[in-house]
Structure formats: structure tokens, C-alpha cells
Protein backbone atom coordinates (compact mmCIF):
# COMPACT_ATOMS: atom_id res chain seq x y z
CA MET A 1 149.82 88.77 7.32
CA SER A 2 151.67 91.34 9.39
CA VAL A 3 150.65 92.32 12.95
CA ALA A 4 150.71 95.97 13.85
CA PRO A 5 152.90 96.90 16.88
CA SER A 6 149.93 98.05 18.78
CA GLU A 7 148.25 94.71 18.26
CA ILE A 8 151.40 92.92 19.59
CA GLN A 9 151.39 95.15 22.71
CA THR A 10 147.74 94.49 23.37
CA THR A 11 148.27 90.75 22.86
CA MET A 12 151.28 90.78 25.24
CA HIS A 13 149.28 92.67 27.79
CA ALA A 14 146.34 90.33 27.49
CA ILE A 15 148.68 87.25 27.91
CA LYS A 16 150.29 88.79 30.92
CA SER A 17 146.92 89.72 32.49
CA THR A 18 145.54 86.14 31.96
CA VAL A 19 148.59 84.45 33.34
CA ARG A 20 148.83 86.87 36.29
CA GLN A 21 145.12 86.05 37.16
CA TYR A 22 145.92 82.27 36.84
CA ILE A 23 148.87 82.53 39.24
CA GLN A 24 146.86 84.66 41.64
CA GLU A 25 143.94 82.19 41.78
CA ASN A 26 145.98 78.94 41.71
CA PHE A 27 149.23 79.60 43.53
CA LEU A 28 148.68 82.69 45.63
CA MET A 29 145.14 81.69 46.68
CA GLY A 30 143.89 85.11 45.73
CA ALA A 31 146.29 86.96 47.91
CA ALA A 32 147.01 90.47 46.60
CA GLU A 33 150.72 89.82 46.23
CA SER A 34 152.18 92.14 43.60
CA TYR A 35 155.15 91.53 41.35
CA ALA A 36 156.59 93.12 38.30
CA ASP A 37 156.07 91.74 34.87
CA ASP A 38 159.79 90.93 34.69
CA ALA A 39 160.07 89.51 38.24
CA SER A 40 161.40 85.94 38.34
CA PHE A 41 158.89 83.42 39.61
CA MET A 42 161.75 81.29 40.93
CA ASP A 43 163.44 84.15 42.75
CA ALA A 44 160.20 85.32 44.29
CA GLN A 45 159.32 81.68 45.11
CA LEU A 46 155.87 82.12 43.54
CA LEU A 47 156.05 78.69 41.72
CA ASP A 48 157.69 75.36 42.60
CA SER A 49 158.45 72.67 40.04
CA THR A 50 154.98 71.22 40.14
CA GLY A 51 153.63 74.73 39.75
CA PHE A 52 155.69 75.20 36.57
CA LEU A 53 154.20 72.00 35.24
CA GLU A 54 150.67 73.21 35.99
CA LEU A 55 151.48 76.52 34.38
CA VAL A 56 152.71 74.80 31.20
CA GLN A 57 149.50 72.82 31.03
CA PHE A 58 147.44 76.08 31.52
CA LEU A 59 149.35 77.79 28.64
CA GLU A 60 148.96 74.77 26.37
CA GLU A 61 145.23 74.64 26.94
CA THR A 62 144.56 78.43 26.95
CA TYR A 63 146.75 79.36 23.95
CA GLY A 64 146.60 76.15 21.82
CA ILE A 65 150.39 75.65 21.93
CA LYS A 66 152.65 72.74 22.72
CA VAL A 67 155.56 73.40 25.09
CA GLU A 68 158.34 70.92 24.31
CA ASP A 69 160.56 69.59 27.02
CA GLU A 70 163.57 71.58 25.79
CA GLU A 71 161.46 74.83 25.88
CA MET A 72 160.78 74.40 29.64
CA MET A 73 163.43 76.85 30.70
CA PRO A 74 163.62 80.11 32.57
CA ASP A 75 164.15 82.14 29.45
CA ASN A 76 160.55 81.08 28.39
CA LEU A 77 158.71 80.66 31.59
CA ASP A 78 160.15 82.49 34.50
CA SER A 79 158.24 85.82 34.30
CA LEU A 80 155.22 87.35 32.80
CA ASP A 81 157.24 89.05 30.16
CA ALA A 82 159.13 85.83 29.23
CA ILE A 83 155.76 83.93 28.97
CA ALA A 84 154.12 86.64 26.83
CA ARG A 85 157.10 86.59 24.37
CA PHE A 86 157.16 82.77 24.36
CA VAL A 87 153.39 82.40 23.74
CA GLN A 88 153.51 84.92 20.93
CA ARG A 89 156.48 83.07 19.30
CA LYS A 90 154.73 79.77 19.58
CA GLN A 91 151.46 81.09 18.19
CA ALA A 92 153.28 82.79 15.25
CA ALA A 93 155.12 79.57 14.34
């Protein structure tokens, strides 16, 4: 079954929105700090190592995926854009 490009965009937007809300509530304590979808969590010091582990657990529980140790890298988890692409790849597999 093929997914239409508009469905992919909607899904990516939904993933980014859900993860942004999780970060706002759990790491920024609701502070209205804004950051771009491609902003590095590490560079902006939004998450520390424990925060990344909590984020991975959230992604696994929310999206029904398993994040392997070798997948815990910035290319997959260091921005909202990277997370949305990663979650979509994992769900498609």
C-alpha cells in the first residue's frame, strides 16, 4: 500500500507536533520557548543524556516502535525533523 505525499506530510506534522508538546511539558516545564523543527536539541541544550533516554521511551510507547541502541544517534533523534523521519521509517519497516 502506497502512502500519498500529502498523508506523509500530515503524519510528519503530527509527529513533530506531538513530540514538541512532549518536550514543552516535560523538559521546558511549559515555558513558551520556540525552536525550529530542524534545530538541534543538543546545540540548544533542550535535552541532556537522561532527557534523550526519556524521549526514546516516549517515542517507543507513543508510536509502537523499538529504538535500537545503534539507532540512538543525532541523525535520528536530535531535532523534530529527524525524529519525524525516523519514526516514519521505523513504522514503515
